[in-house]
Amino acid sequence: MNQIDTLLTLIAQKHLGVDTLQTRHADSLDFHDTAVWCIRDALEAAFKAGVEVGVALPAPTEADIARD
């Protein structure tokens, strides 16, 4: 599991009460009733985590930008 998958799983567990983000091919395990305020909290946590990861990345060099 990569860093993003781990972060998203932790956010889903904390804010949405979802044990795993893996498909388990059972409606009772793959579909959840969730309050909108929990979804908002999860989205906010994901956004903040993305900002923190982005800040930790080194700034691209001119050569990196030219390759894109």
PDB file of N, CA and C in Angstrom:
ATOM      1  N   MET A   1       0.860  -1.176   0.000  1.00  0.00           N
ATOM      2  CA  MET A   1       0.000   0.000   0.000  1.00  0.00           C
ATOM      3  C   MET A   1       0.902   1.234   0.000  1.00  0.00           C
ATOM      4  N   ASN A   2       0.636   2.174  -0.918  1.00  0.00           N
ATOM      5  CA  ASN A   2       1.481   3.365  -0.987  1.00  0.00           C
ATOM      6  C   ASN A   2       1.014   4.426   0.016  1.00  0.00           C
ATOM      7  N   GLN A   3       1.737   5.513   0.085  1.00  0.00           N
ATOM      8  CA  GLN A   3       1.468   6.554   1.082  1.00  0.00           C
ATOM      9  C   GLN A   3       0.067   7.144   0.916  1.00  0.00           C
ATOM     10  N   ILE A   4      -0.363   7.390  -0.305  1.00  0.00           N
ATOM     11  CA  ILE A   4      -1.687   7.972  -0.533  1.00  0.00           C
ATOM     12  C   ILE A   4      -2.775   7.003  -0.107  1.00  0.00           C
ATOM     13  N   ASP A   5      -2.641   5.728  -0.462  1.00  0.00           N
ATOM     14  CA  ASP A   5      -3.630   4.727  -0.058  1.00  0.00           C
ATOM     15  C   ASP A   5      -3.726   4.638   1.457  1.00  0.00           C
ATOM     16  N   THR A   6      -2.593   4.690   2.125  1.00  0.00           N
ATOM     17  CA  THR A   6      -2.576   4.628   3.585  1.00  0.00           C
ATOM     18  C   THR A   6      -3.285   5.836   4.186  1.00  0.00           C
ATOM     19  N   LEU A   7      -2.976   7.033   3.670  1.00  0.00           N
ATOM     20  CA  LEU A   7      -3.630   8.242   4.163  1.00  0.00           C
ATOM     21  C   LEU A   7      -5.135   8.192   3.949  1.00  0.00           C
ATOM     22  N   LEU A   8      -5.561   7.797   2.758  1.00  0.00           N
ATOM     23  CA  LEU A   8      -6.993   7.742   2.465  1.00  0.00           C
ATOM     24  C   LEU A   8      -7.704   6.709   3.332  1.00  0.00           C
ATOM     25  N   THR A   9      -7.062   5.582   3.572  1.00  0.00           N
ATOM     26  CA  THR A   9      -7.660   4.565   4.431  1.00  0.00           C
ATOM     27  C   THR A   9      -7.813   5.079   5.855  1.00  0.00           C
ATOM     28  N   LEU A  10      -6.787   5.751   6.366  1.00  0.00           N
ATOM     29  CA  LEU A  10      -6.870   6.310   7.714  1.00  0.00           C
ATOM     30  C   LEU A  10      -7.983   7.358   7.818  1.00  0.00           C
ATOM     31  N   ILE A  11      -8.116   8.190   6.803  1.00  0.00           N
ATOM     32  CA  ILE A  11      -9.169   9.208   6.789  1.00  0.00           C
ATOM     33  C   ILE A  11     -10.540   8.536   6.738  1.00  0.00           C
ATOM     34  N   ALA A  12     -10.687   7.519   5.904  1.00  0.00           N
ATOM     35  CA  ALA A  12     -11.966   6.801   5.805  1.00  0.00           C
ATOM     36  C   ALA A  12     -12.319   6.136   7.130  1.00  0.00           C
ATOM     37  N   GLN A  13     -11.349   5.566   7.789  1.00  0.00           N
ATOM     38  CA  GLN A  13     -11.597   4.925   9.078  1.00  0.00           C
ATOM     39  C   GLN A  13     -12.017   5.944  10.129  1.00  0.00           C
ATOM     40  N   LYS A  14     -11.296   7.057  10.204  1.00  0.00           N
ATOM     41  CA  LYS A  14     -11.561   8.056  11.239  1.00  0.00           C
ATOM     42  C   LYS A  14     -12.860   8.813  11.014  1.00  0.00           C
ATOM     43  N   HIS A  15     -13.112   9.261   9.787  1.00  0.00           N
ATOM     44  CA  HIS A  15     -14.230  10.165   9.535  1.00  0.00           C
ATOM     45  C   HIS A  15     -15.484   9.485   8.997  1.00  0.00           C
ATOM     46  N   LEU A  16     -15.312   8.327   8.356  1.00  0.00           N
ATOM     47  CA  LEU A  16     -16.451   7.701   7.696  1.00  0.00           C
ATOM     48  C   LEU A  16     -16.847   6.357   8.312  1.00  0.00           C
ATOM     49  N   GLY A  17     -16.049   5.855   9.225  1.00  0.00           N
ATOM     50  CA  GLY A  17     -16.353   4.565   9.837  1.00  0.00           C
ATOM     51  C   GLY A  17     -16.225   3.405   8.863  1.00  0.00           C
ATOM     52  N   VAL A  18     -15.361   3.554   7.863  1.00  0.00           N
ATOM     53  CA  VAL A  18     -15.138   2.525   6.849  1.00  0.00           C
ATOM     54  C   VAL A  18     -13.836   1.808   7.192  1.00  0.00           C
ATOM     55  N   ASP A  19     -13.900   0.493   7.348  1.00  0.00           N
ATOM     56  CA  ASP A  19     -12.721  -0.273   7.752  1.00  0.00           C
ATOM     57  C   ASP A  19     -11.638  -0.319   6.683  1.00  0.00           C
ATOM     58  N   THR A  20     -12.046  -0.472   5.427  1.00  0.00           N
ATOM     59  CA  THR A  20     -11.093  -0.611   4.337  1.00  0.00           C
ATOM     60  C   THR A  20     -11.658   0.035   3.078  1.00  0.00           C
ATOM     61  N   LEU A  21     -10.796   0.452   2.186  1.00  0.00           N
ATOM     62  CA  LEU A  21     -11.223   0.999   0.904  1.00  0.00           C
ATOM     63  C   LEU A  21     -11.093  -0.052  -0.204  1.00  0.00           C
ATOM     64  N   GLN A  22     -10.801  -1.277   0.175  1.00  0.00           N
ATOM     65  CA  GLN A  22     -10.715  -2.378  -0.779  1.00  0.00           C
ATOM     66  C   GLN A  22     -12.123  -2.877  -1.106  1.00  0.00           C
ATOM     67  N   THR A  23     -12.381  -3.158  -2.380  1.00  0.00           N
ATOM     68  CA  THR A  23     -13.660  -3.728  -2.787  1.00  0.00           C
ATOM     69  C   THR A  23     -13.763  -5.149  -2.245  1.00  0.00           C
ATOM     70  N   ARG A  24     -14.907  -5.446  -1.614  1.00  0.00           N
ATOM     71  CA  ARG A  24     -15.088  -6.777  -1.041  1.00  0.00           C
ATOM     72  C   ARG A  24     -16.232  -7.543  -1.701  1.00  0.00           C
ATOM     73  N   HIS A  25     -16.828  -6.966  -2.728  1.00  0.00           N
ATOM     74  CA  HIS A  25     -17.856  -7.621  -3.535  1.00  0.00           C
ATOM     75  C   HIS A  25     -19.057  -8.090  -2.714  1.00  0.00           C
ATOM     76  N   ALA A  26     -19.441  -7.268  -1.731  1.00  0.00           N
ATOM     77  CA  ALA A  26     -20.645  -7.531  -0.942  1.00  0.00           C
ATOM     78  C   ALA A  26     -21.260  -6.172  -0.627  1.00  0.00           C
ATOM     79  N   ASP A  27     -22.522  -6.010  -0.994  1.00  0.00           N
ATOM     80  CA  ASP A  27     -23.172  -4.714  -0.784  1.00  0.00           C
ATOM     81  C   ASP A  27     -23.078  -4.253   0.663  1.00  0.00           C
ATOM     82  N   SER A  28     -23.253  -5.156   1.604  1.00  0.00           N
ATOM     83  CA  SER A  28     -23.222  -4.762   3.018  1.00  0.00           C
ATOM     84  C   SER A  28     -21.841  -4.276   3.459  1.00  0.00           C
ATOM     85  N   LEU A  29     -20.805  -4.657   2.721  1.00  0.00           N
ATOM     86  CA  LEU A  29     -19.442  -4.239   3.058  1.00  0.00           C
ATOM     87  C   LEU A  29     -18.957  -3.071   2.197  1.00  0.00           C
ATOM     88  N   ASP A  30     -19.489  -2.940   0.990  1.00  0.00           N
ATOM     89  CA  ASP A  30     -18.981  -1.940   0.042  1.00  0.00           C
ATOM     90  C   ASP A  30     -19.808  -0.660  -0.024  1.00  0.00           C
ATOM     91  N   PHE A  31     -21.001  -0.652   0.523  1.00  0.00           N
ATOM     92  CA  PHE A  31     -21.853   0.545   0.512  1.00  0.00           C
ATOM     93  C   PHE A  31     -22.129   0.974   1.942  1.00  0.00           C
ATOM     94  N   HIS A  32     -22.049   2.289   2.189  1.00  0.00           N
ATOM     95  CA  HIS A  32     -22.184   2.815   3.544  1.00  0.00           C
ATOM     96  C   HIS A  32     -23.106   4.026   3.556  1.00  0.00           C
ATOM     97  N   ASP A  33     -23.927   4.148   4.590  1.00  0.00           N
ATOM     98  CA  ASP A  33     -24.694   5.370   4.821  1.00  0.00           C
ATOM     99  C   ASP A  33     -23.805   6.288   5.643  1.00  0.00           C
ATOM    100  N   THR A  34     -23.601   7.494   5.143  1.00  0.00           N
ATOM    101  CA  THR A  34     -22.690   8.421   5.804  1.00  0.00           C
ATOM    102  C   THR A  34     -23.300   9.812   5.844  1.00  0.00           C
ATOM    103  N   ALA A  35     -23.214  10.451   6.983  1.00  0.00           N
ATOM    104  CA  ALA A  35     -23.731  11.815   7.130  1.00  0.00           C
ATOM    105  C   ALA A  35     -22.883  12.790   6.325  1.00  0.00           C
ATOM    106  N   VAL A  36     -23.529  13.822   5.805  1.00  0.00           N
ATOM    107  CA  VAL A  36     -22.807  14.788   4.973  1.00  0.00           C
ATOM    108  C   VAL A  36     -21.700  15.484   5.756  1.00  0.00           C
ATOM    109  N   TRP A  37     -21.880  15.707   7.041  1.00  0.00           N
ATOM    110  CA  TRP A  37     -20.831  16.378   7.813  1.00  0.00           C
ATOM    111  C   TRP A  37     -19.616  15.468   7.964  1.00  0.00           C
ATOM    112  N   CYS A  38     -19.817  14.162   7.963  1.00  0.00           N
ATOM    113  CA  CYS A  38     -18.685  13.229   8.001  1.00  0.00           C
ATOM    114  C   CYS A  38     -17.942  13.242   6.673  1.00  0.00           C
ATOM    115  N   ILE A  39     -18.703  13.313   5.582  1.00  0.00           N
ATOM    116  CA  ILE A  39     -18.074  13.393   4.258  1.00  0.00           C
ATOM    117  C   ILE A  39     -17.266  14.672   4.148  1.00  0.00           C
ATOM    118  N   ARG A  40     -17.844  15.789   4.630  1.00  0.00           N
ATOM    119  CA  ARG A  40     -17.127  17.076   4.599  1.00  0.00           C
ATOM    120  C   ARG A  40     -15.837  16.979   5.406  1.00  0.00           C
ATOM    121  N   ASP A  41     -15.916  16.408   6.615  1.00  0.00           N
ATOM    122  CA  ASP A  41     -14.725  16.257   7.454  1.00  0.00           C
ATOM    123  C   ASP A  41     -13.658  15.404   6.764  1.00  0.00           C
ATOM    124  N   ALA A  42     -14.090  14.336   6.089  1.00  0.00           N
ATOM    125  CA  ALA A  42     -13.146  13.464   5.378  1.00  0.00           C
ATOM    126  C   ALA A  42     -12.495  14.201   4.212  1.00  0.00           C
ATOM    127  N   LEU A  43     -13.293  14.966   3.469  1.00  0.00           N
ATOM    128  CA  LEU A  43     -12.729  15.730   2.351  1.00  0.00           C
ATOM    129  C   LEU A  43     -11.747  16.788   2.838  1.00  0.00           C
ATOM    130  N   GLU A  44     -12.090  17.443   3.934  1.00  0.00           N
ATOM    131  CA  GLU A  44     -11.191  18.453   4.497  1.00  0.00           C
ATOM    132  C   GLU A  44      -9.882  17.813   4.964  1.00  0.00           C
ATOM    133  N   ALA A  45      -9.976  16.663   5.604  1.00  0.00           N
ATOM    134  CA  ALA A  45      -8.768  15.957   6.055  1.00  0.00           C
ATOM    135  C   ALA A  45      -7.911  15.531   4.865  1.00  0.00           C
ATOM    136  N   ALA A  46      -8.547  15.070   3.792  1.00  0.00           N
ATOM    137  CA  ALA A  46      -7.798  14.670   2.594  1.00  0.00           C
ATOM    138  C   ALA A  46      -7.118  15.872   1.955  1.00  0.00           C
ATOM    139  N   PHE A  47      -7.815  16.994   1.910  1.00  0.00           N
ATOM    140  CA  PHE A  47      -7.217  18.208   1.343  1.00  0.00           C
ATOM    141  C   PHE A  47      -6.004  18.633   2.159  1.00  0.00           C
ATOM    142  N   LYS A  48      -6.157  18.669   3.481  1.00  0.00           N
ATOM    143  CA  LYS A  48      -5.046  19.072   4.349  1.00  0.00           C
ATOM    144  C   LYS A  48      -3.864  18.111   4.216  1.00  0.00           C
ATOM    145  N   ALA A  49      -4.140  16.816   4.112  1.00  0.00           N
ATOM    146  CA  ALA A  49      -3.070  15.833   3.940  1.00  0.00           C
ATOM    147  C   ALA A  49      -2.350  16.068   2.616  1.00  0.00           C
ATOM    148  N   GLY A  50      -3.098  16.395   1.574  1.00  0.00           N
ATOM    149  CA  GLY A  50      -2.493  16.678   0.272  1.00  0.00           C
ATOM    150  C   GLY A  50      -1.598  17.899   0.308  1.00  0.00           C
ATOM    151  N   VAL A  51      -2.045  18.919   1.026  1.00  0.00           N
ATOM    152  CA  VAL A  51      -1.235  20.127   1.166  1.00  0.00           C
ATOM    153  C   VAL A  51       0.066  19.794   1.900  1.00  0.00           C
ATOM    154  N   GLU A  52      -0.036  19.028   2.982  1.00  0.00           N
ATOM    155  CA  GLU A  52       1.160  18.671   3.746  1.00  0.00           C
ATOM    156  C   GLU A  52       2.139  17.850   2.907  1.00  0.00           C
ATOM    157  N   VAL A  53       1.629  16.912   2.134  1.00  0.00           N
ATOM    158  CA  VAL A  53       2.501  16.100   1.273  1.00  0.00           C
ATOM    159  C   VAL A  53       3.136  16.992   0.212  1.00  0.00           C
ATOM    160  N   GLY A  54       2.353  17.898  -0.371  1.00  0.00           N
ATOM    161  CA  GLY A  54       2.870  18.794  -1.406  1.00  0.00           C
ATOM    162  C   GLY A  54       3.954  19.715  -0.885  1.00  0.00           C
ATOM    163  N   VAL A  55       3.791  20.207   0.330  1.00  0.00           N
ATOM    164  CA  VAL A  55       4.793  21.091   0.922  1.00  0.00           C
ATOM    165  C   VAL A  55       6.087  20.329   1.174  1.00  0.00           C
ATOM    166  N   ALA A  56       5.988  19.058   1.484  1.00  0.00           N
ATOM    167  CA  ALA A  56       7.168  18.256   1.794  1.00  0.00           C
ATOM    168  C   ALA A  56       7.965  17.876   0.542  1.00  0.00           C
ATOM    169  N   LEU A  57       7.344  17.977  -0.628  1.00  0.00           N
ATOM    170  CA  LEU A  57       8.042  17.622  -1.859  1.00  0.00           C
ATOM    171  C   LEU A  57       9.036  18.707  -2.249  1.00  0.00           C
ATOM    172  N   PRO A  58      10.155  18.329  -2.842  1.00  0.00           N
ATOM    173  CA  PRO A  58      11.105  19.347  -3.292  1.00  0.00           C
ATOM    174  C   PRO A  58      10.508  20.144  -4.457  1.00  0.00           C
ATOM    175  N   ALA A  59      10.876  21.402  -4.547  1.00  0.00           N
ATOM    176  CA  ALA A  59      10.392  22.254  -5.638  1.00  0.00           C
ATOM    177  C   ALA A  59      10.981  21.754  -6.952  1.00  0.00           C
ATOM    178  N   PRO A  60      10.178  21.763  -8.017  1.00  0.00           N
ATOM    179  CA  PRO A  60      10.705  21.303  -9.302  1.00  0.00           C
ATOM    180  C   PRO A  60      11.780  22.247  -9.840  1.00  0.00           C
ATOM    181  N   THR A  61      12.749  21.664 -10.511  1.00  0.00           N
ATOM    182  CA  THR A  61      13.790  22.466 -11.151  1.00  0.00           C
ATOM    183  C   THR A  61      13.305  22.874 -12.535  1.00  0.00           C
ATOM    184  N   GLU A  62      14.050  23.768 -13.187  1.00  0.00           N
ATOM    185  CA  GLU A  62      13.694  24.170 -14.549  1.00  0.00           C
ATOM    186  C   GLU A  62      13.717  22.967 -15.488  1.00  0.00           C
ATOM    187  N   ALA A  63      14.646  22.044 -15.272  1.00  0.00           N
ATOM    188  CA  ALA A  63      14.735  20.848 -16.103  1.00  0.00           C
ATOM    189  C   ALA A  63      13.488  19.975 -15.922  1.00  0.00           C
ATOM    190  N   ASP A  64      13.001  19.858 -14.692  1.00  0.00           N
ATOM    191  CA  ASP A  64      11.772  19.092 -14.441  1.00  0.00           C
ATOM    192  C   ASP A  64      10.589  19.716 -15.173  1.00  0.00           C
ATOM    193  N   ILE A  65      10.490  21.016 -15.125  1.00  0.00           N
ATOM    194  CA  ILE A  65       9.377  21.724 -15.758  1.00  0.00           C
ATOM    195  C   ILE A  65       9.466  21.572 -17.265  1.00  0.00           C
ATOM    196  N   ALA A  66      10.661  21.642 -17.824  1.00  0.00           N
ATOM    197  CA  ALA A  66      10.842  21.508 -19.268  1.00  0.00           C
ATOM    198  C   ALA A  66      10.459  20.125 -19.770  1.00  0.00           C
ATOM    199  N   ARG A  67      10.650  19.097 -18.947  1.00  0.00           N
ATOM    200  CA  ARG A  67      10.295  17.729 -19.338  1.00  0.00           C
ATOM    201  C   ARG A  67       8.788  17.561 -19.445  1.00  0.00           C
ATOM    202  N   ASP A  68       8.028  18.288 -18.656  1.00  0.00           N
ATOM    203  CA  ASP A  68       6.563  18.172 -18.661  1.00  0.00           C
ATOM    204  C   ASP A  68       6.037  18.876 -19.836  1.00  0.00           C
TER     205      ASP A  68
END
